[in-house]
Amino acid sequence: MKTKNESIRTKAQETFEKHLEYLSTGNISAWMALWNEGGVLEFPFGLKEYPAQVSGNEAIHEYIRHFPNYLKIEFTKPTYHLTEDPNLVIAEFKGFGKMVTNGRPYNQTYISVVKTTNGKIDTYKDFWNPLVLQTALGENNKYDGATANM
């Protein structure tokens, strides 16, 4: 029988895996349902042209809603690094995809730090290599969601 902390950790990891599934299938409404109200999405090493932080569900939705129009991606099974806090997910994984707009490959390595409450995302820190995105976007270097008024 699982302890309370093990059950919480399992639920947090399941939420993380649903996040990957919904992004890879372009199911933005299901992806948004994974978030608690007032969520925060952070990109500590993102491109300077785009926001380092997107706060609030409405702003997060505005940011991510164009994602399926720009990128088709599949993710590897994440490797989890356990923490003292069962609501905190630290995961390493890779994404392999292609930009819809120009056909360029997008192959990225990620480390994500995700804080959950009751199996829903509160904060998501997304660590990835911005040069991979810049190369994949090409000359256009534009993702409509990132220009939303944050």
Foldseek 3Di string as FASTA:
>chain_A
DDDPLVVLLVLLVVLVVVLQVCLLVVVLVVNLVQADFFAKEAECAADPVFDRMQTGSVLVCLLCNCSVVFKNKHKDRWDWDDDPHSQWTWTWIWIWIATNVPRAIQIKIWIWIFGDDPSGTRYIYIYIDNVSVDVRVPPVSDDSSRPPDD
